[in-house]
N, C-alpha and C. Protein backbone atom coordinates (compact mmCIF):
# COMPACT_ATOMS: atom_id res chain seq x y z
N MET A 1 -90.97 203.54 -50.11
CA MET A 1 -91.82 203.73 -48.97
C MET A 1 -90.94 204.18 -47.82
N ASP A 2 -91.39 205.19 -47.10
CA ASP A 2 -90.65 205.71 -45.95
C ASP A 2 -91.46 205.55 -44.67
N CYS A 3 -90.77 205.27 -43.60
CA CYS A 3 -91.35 205.27 -42.26
C CYS A 3 -90.67 206.42 -41.52
N VAL A 4 -91.46 207.43 -41.14
CA VAL A 4 -90.93 208.64 -40.50
C VAL A 4 -91.35 208.67 -39.04
N ALA A 5 -90.41 209.01 -38.16
CA ALA A 5 -90.73 209.14 -36.74
C ALA A 5 -89.86 210.21 -36.11
N VAL A 6 -90.42 210.87 -35.09
CA VAL A 6 -89.64 211.82 -34.30
C VAL A 6 -88.75 210.98 -33.39
N ASN A 7 -87.55 210.74 -33.87
CA ASN A 7 -86.58 209.93 -33.16
C ASN A 7 -85.22 210.21 -33.76
N ASP A 8 -84.16 209.77 -33.09
CA ASP A 8 -82.83 210.02 -33.64
C ASP A 8 -82.51 208.96 -34.70
N PRO A 9 -81.55 209.27 -35.58
CA PRO A 9 -81.25 208.35 -36.68
C PRO A 9 -80.74 206.98 -36.23
N TYR A 10 -80.12 206.92 -35.06
CA TYR A 10 -79.60 205.65 -34.57
C TYR A 10 -80.75 204.70 -34.19
N VAL A 11 -81.77 205.25 -33.57
CA VAL A 11 -82.95 204.45 -33.22
C VAL A 11 -83.66 203.98 -34.49
N MET A 12 -83.79 204.88 -35.46
CA MET A 12 -84.47 204.51 -36.70
C MET A 12 -83.70 203.42 -37.46
N LYS A 13 -82.38 203.52 -37.46
CA LYS A 13 -81.56 202.50 -38.12
C LYS A 13 -81.74 201.15 -37.43
N ALA A 14 -81.71 201.15 -36.09
CA ALA A 14 -81.89 199.92 -35.33
C ALA A 14 -83.28 199.34 -35.56
N TRP A 15 -84.30 200.20 -35.60
CA TRP A 15 -85.67 199.75 -35.84
C TRP A 15 -85.76 199.09 -37.21
N GLY A 16 -85.16 199.71 -38.21
CA GLY A 16 -85.17 199.15 -39.55
C GLY A 16 -84.53 197.77 -39.61
N LYS A 17 -83.49 197.56 -38.82
CA LYS A 17 -82.80 196.27 -38.81
C LYS A 17 -83.66 195.15 -38.22
N THR A 18 -84.69 195.49 -37.45
CA THR A 18 -85.56 194.46 -36.87
C THR A 18 -86.44 193.80 -37.93
N PHE A 19 -86.49 194.39 -39.11
CA PHE A 19 -87.25 193.83 -40.23
C PHE A 19 -86.25 193.30 -41.25
N SER A 20 -85.67 192.15 -40.97
CA SER A 20 -84.57 191.63 -41.78
C SER A 20 -84.94 191.39 -43.24
N GLU A 21 -86.19 191.09 -43.52
CA GLU A 21 -86.63 190.83 -44.90
C GLU A 21 -86.97 192.12 -45.65
N ASN A 22 -86.96 193.25 -44.97
CA ASN A 22 -87.35 194.52 -45.58
C ASN A 22 -86.37 194.95 -46.67
N LYS A 23 -86.91 195.16 -47.85
CA LYS A 23 -86.09 195.66 -48.95
C LYS A 23 -86.67 196.96 -49.53
N HIS A 24 -87.84 197.38 -49.01
CA HIS A 24 -88.55 198.49 -49.64
C HIS A 24 -88.85 199.68 -48.73
N VAL A 25 -88.73 199.50 -47.44
CA VAL A 25 -89.08 200.58 -46.51
C VAL A 25 -87.81 201.23 -45.97
N LYS A 26 -87.75 202.55 -46.08
CA LYS A 26 -86.62 203.32 -45.54
C LYS A 26 -87.10 203.96 -44.23
N PHE A 27 -86.34 203.79 -43.16
CA PHE A 27 -86.68 204.35 -41.86
C PHE A 27 -85.98 205.70 -41.73
N VAL A 28 -86.77 206.76 -41.62
CA VAL A 28 -86.28 208.13 -41.69
C VAL A 28 -86.48 208.84 -40.35
N SER A 29 -85.43 209.48 -39.87
CA SER A 29 -85.48 210.22 -38.61
C SER A 29 -85.95 211.66 -38.84
N ASP A 30 -86.92 212.07 -38.03
CA ASP A 30 -87.34 213.48 -37.97
C ASP A 30 -86.96 213.95 -36.57
N GLY A 31 -85.67 213.98 -36.30
CA GLY A 31 -85.14 214.23 -34.96
C GLY A 31 -85.67 215.47 -34.28
N SER A 32 -85.81 216.55 -35.01
CA SER A 32 -86.29 217.80 -34.42
C SER A 32 -87.81 217.91 -34.45
N GLY A 33 -88.46 217.05 -35.21
CA GLY A 33 -89.92 217.11 -35.34
C GLY A 33 -90.40 218.16 -36.32
N GLU A 34 -89.49 218.79 -37.06
CA GLU A 34 -89.89 219.86 -37.99
C GLU A 34 -90.80 219.35 -39.11
N TYR A 35 -90.48 218.20 -39.67
CA TYR A 35 -91.31 217.63 -40.75
C TYR A 35 -92.69 217.29 -40.20
N THR A 36 -92.72 216.69 -39.02
CA THR A 36 -93.98 216.34 -38.37
C THR A 36 -94.83 217.59 -38.14
N LYS A 37 -94.21 218.66 -37.65
CA LYS A 37 -94.93 219.92 -37.42
C LYS A 37 -95.43 220.51 -38.72
N LEU A 38 -94.62 220.46 -39.77
CA LEU A 38 -95.00 220.98 -41.08
C LEU A 38 -96.26 220.28 -41.60
N LEU A 39 -96.35 218.97 -41.35
CA LEU A 39 -97.52 218.21 -41.77
C LEU A 39 -98.70 218.35 -40.81
N GLY A 40 -98.47 218.95 -39.64
CA GLY A 40 -99.54 219.08 -38.64
C GLY A 40 -99.87 217.75 -37.98
N LEU A 41 -98.87 216.89 -37.84
CA LEU A 41 -99.10 215.54 -37.32
C LEU A 41 -98.45 215.31 -35.96
N GLU A 42 -98.30 216.38 -35.16
CA GLU A 42 -97.71 216.22 -33.83
C GLU A 42 -98.67 215.47 -32.92
N LEU A 43 -98.11 214.61 -32.10
CA LEU A 43 -98.85 213.90 -31.08
C LEU A 43 -98.16 214.18 -29.75
N ASP A 44 -98.84 214.89 -28.86
CA ASP A 44 -98.26 215.30 -27.59
C ASP A 44 -98.39 214.16 -26.57
N LEU A 45 -97.27 213.54 -26.26
CA LEU A 45 -97.24 212.45 -25.28
C LEU A 45 -96.40 212.84 -24.07
N LYS A 46 -96.34 214.15 -23.79
CA LYS A 46 -95.55 214.63 -22.65
C LYS A 46 -96.04 214.03 -21.34
N ASP A 47 -97.35 213.83 -21.21
CA ASP A 47 -97.90 213.27 -19.97
C ASP A 47 -97.43 211.83 -19.74
N LYS A 48 -96.95 211.18 -20.78
CA LYS A 48 -96.42 209.82 -20.67
C LYS A 48 -94.89 209.81 -20.65
N GLY A 49 -94.29 211.01 -20.62
CA GLY A 49 -92.84 211.13 -20.58
C GLY A 49 -92.17 210.93 -21.93
N LEU A 50 -92.93 211.03 -23.02
CA LEU A 50 -92.37 210.76 -24.34
C LEU A 50 -92.22 212.01 -25.21
N GLY A 51 -92.70 213.15 -24.75
CA GLY A 51 -92.58 214.39 -25.52
C GLY A 51 -93.48 214.41 -26.73
N ILE A 52 -93.05 215.14 -27.75
CA ILE A 52 -93.82 215.25 -28.99
C ILE A 52 -93.37 214.13 -29.94
N ARG A 53 -94.32 213.42 -30.48
CA ARG A 53 -94.07 212.33 -31.42
C ARG A 53 -94.86 212.59 -32.70
N THR A 54 -94.72 211.69 -33.66
CA THR A 54 -95.47 211.78 -34.90
C THR A 54 -96.74 210.94 -34.78
N ARG A 55 -97.88 211.56 -35.07
CA ARG A 55 -99.14 210.83 -35.11
C ARG A 55 -99.02 209.76 -36.20
N ARG A 56 -99.60 208.61 -35.97
CA ARG A 56 -99.51 207.54 -36.96
C ARG A 56 -100.35 207.90 -38.19
N PHE A 57 -99.71 207.78 -39.36
CA PHE A 57 -100.40 208.13 -40.60
C PHE A 57 -99.85 207.32 -41.76
N ALA A 58 -100.63 207.25 -42.81
CA ALA A 58 -100.18 206.65 -44.07
C ALA A 58 -100.60 207.62 -45.16
N MET A 59 -99.68 207.88 -46.07
CA MET A 59 -99.97 208.86 -47.12
C MET A 59 -99.41 208.34 -48.44
N LEU A 60 -100.23 208.42 -49.47
CA LEU A 60 -99.81 208.05 -50.82
C LEU A 60 -99.68 209.32 -51.63
N LEU A 61 -98.49 209.53 -52.20
CA LEU A 61 -98.22 210.72 -53.00
C LEU A 61 -97.94 210.34 -54.44
N ASP A 62 -98.31 211.23 -55.35
CA ASP A 62 -97.97 211.09 -56.76
C ASP A 62 -97.48 212.45 -57.23
N ASN A 63 -96.18 212.55 -57.53
CA ASN A 63 -95.57 213.83 -57.90
C ASN A 63 -95.86 214.91 -56.86
N LEU A 64 -95.69 214.55 -55.60
CA LEU A 64 -95.90 215.43 -54.44
C LEU A 64 -97.35 215.85 -54.23
N LYS A 65 -98.27 215.24 -54.93
CA LYS A 65 -99.71 215.48 -54.71
C LYS A 65 -100.25 214.35 -53.85
N VAL A 66 -100.96 214.71 -52.77
CA VAL A 66 -101.52 213.71 -51.87
C VAL A 66 -102.71 213.04 -52.56
N ILE A 67 -102.62 211.73 -52.74
CA ILE A 67 -103.70 210.95 -53.34
C ILE A 67 -104.61 210.40 -52.25
N VAL A 68 -104.00 209.84 -51.21
CA VAL A 68 -104.73 209.29 -50.07
C VAL A 68 -103.96 209.66 -48.81
N ALA A 69 -104.69 210.07 -47.77
CA ALA A 69 -104.06 210.34 -46.46
C ALA A 69 -104.94 209.74 -45.38
N ASN A 70 -104.38 208.83 -44.62
CA ASN A 70 -105.06 208.24 -43.47
C ASN A 70 -104.31 208.69 -42.23
N ILE A 71 -105.01 209.34 -41.32
CA ILE A 71 -104.39 209.83 -40.10
C ILE A 71 -105.12 209.23 -38.91
N GLU A 72 -104.38 208.57 -38.05
CA GLU A 72 -104.98 207.94 -36.87
C GLU A 72 -105.48 209.02 -35.92
N THR A 73 -106.74 208.94 -35.55
CA THR A 73 -107.32 209.92 -34.62
C THR A 73 -107.42 209.36 -33.21
N VAL A 74 -107.50 208.04 -33.09
CA VAL A 74 -107.55 207.38 -31.79
C VAL A 74 -106.39 206.39 -31.75
N VAL A 75 -105.54 206.51 -30.73
CA VAL A 75 -104.39 205.63 -30.63
C VAL A 75 -104.86 204.19 -30.42
N SER A 76 -104.40 203.30 -31.30
CA SER A 76 -104.78 201.89 -31.21
C SER A 76 -103.57 201.03 -31.58
N SER A 77 -103.73 199.73 -31.45
CA SER A 77 -102.63 198.84 -31.79
C SER A 77 -102.60 198.49 -33.27
N ARG A 78 -103.69 198.80 -34.00
CA ARG A 78 -103.76 198.49 -35.42
C ARG A 78 -104.09 199.74 -36.21
N PHE A 79 -103.57 199.79 -37.42
CA PHE A 79 -103.84 200.93 -38.30
C PHE A 79 -104.16 200.38 -39.68
N PRO A 80 -105.41 200.55 -40.14
CA PRO A 80 -105.79 199.96 -41.42
C PRO A 80 -105.08 200.61 -42.61
N ALA A 81 -104.57 199.78 -43.49
CA ALA A 81 -103.88 200.28 -44.68
C ALA A 81 -104.67 200.00 -45.96
N GLU A 82 -105.91 199.54 -45.80
CA GLU A 82 -106.70 199.15 -46.96
C GLU A 82 -106.86 200.28 -47.98
N ASP A 83 -107.11 201.50 -47.52
CA ASP A 83 -107.30 202.63 -48.44
C ASP A 83 -106.05 202.87 -49.27
N ILE A 84 -104.90 202.76 -48.65
CA ILE A 84 -103.64 202.96 -49.36
C ILE A 84 -103.44 201.84 -50.38
N LEU A 85 -103.67 200.60 -49.95
CA LEU A 85 -103.48 199.47 -50.85
C LEU A 85 -104.43 199.54 -52.05
N GLU A 86 -105.68 199.94 -51.80
CA GLU A 86 -106.64 200.08 -52.90
C GLU A 86 -106.21 201.15 -53.89
N ALA A 87 -105.62 202.22 -53.39
CA ALA A 87 -105.20 203.33 -54.26
C ALA A 87 -103.99 202.97 -55.12
N LEU A 88 -103.23 201.98 -54.67
CA LEU A 88 -102.06 201.57 -55.45
C LEU A 88 -102.50 200.87 -56.71
């Protein structure tokens, strides 16, 4: 499982360390935002001084085929993962 964000690798490494029990999630830096743009998941937060970020999403792949994709359309504090868990 990967956690991808438009951030530098040092921030992603530090973020990963905050989950001391984590053995399964890899925190991956998309520093330039190219991967985010390729997926069409840019979130423009320039008005908040944060620039372009990655929209929150969960995606289940099987041999590079998308099985389930949940993309947050309204920014909230919670993001349901039930569809992904059911697909597993």
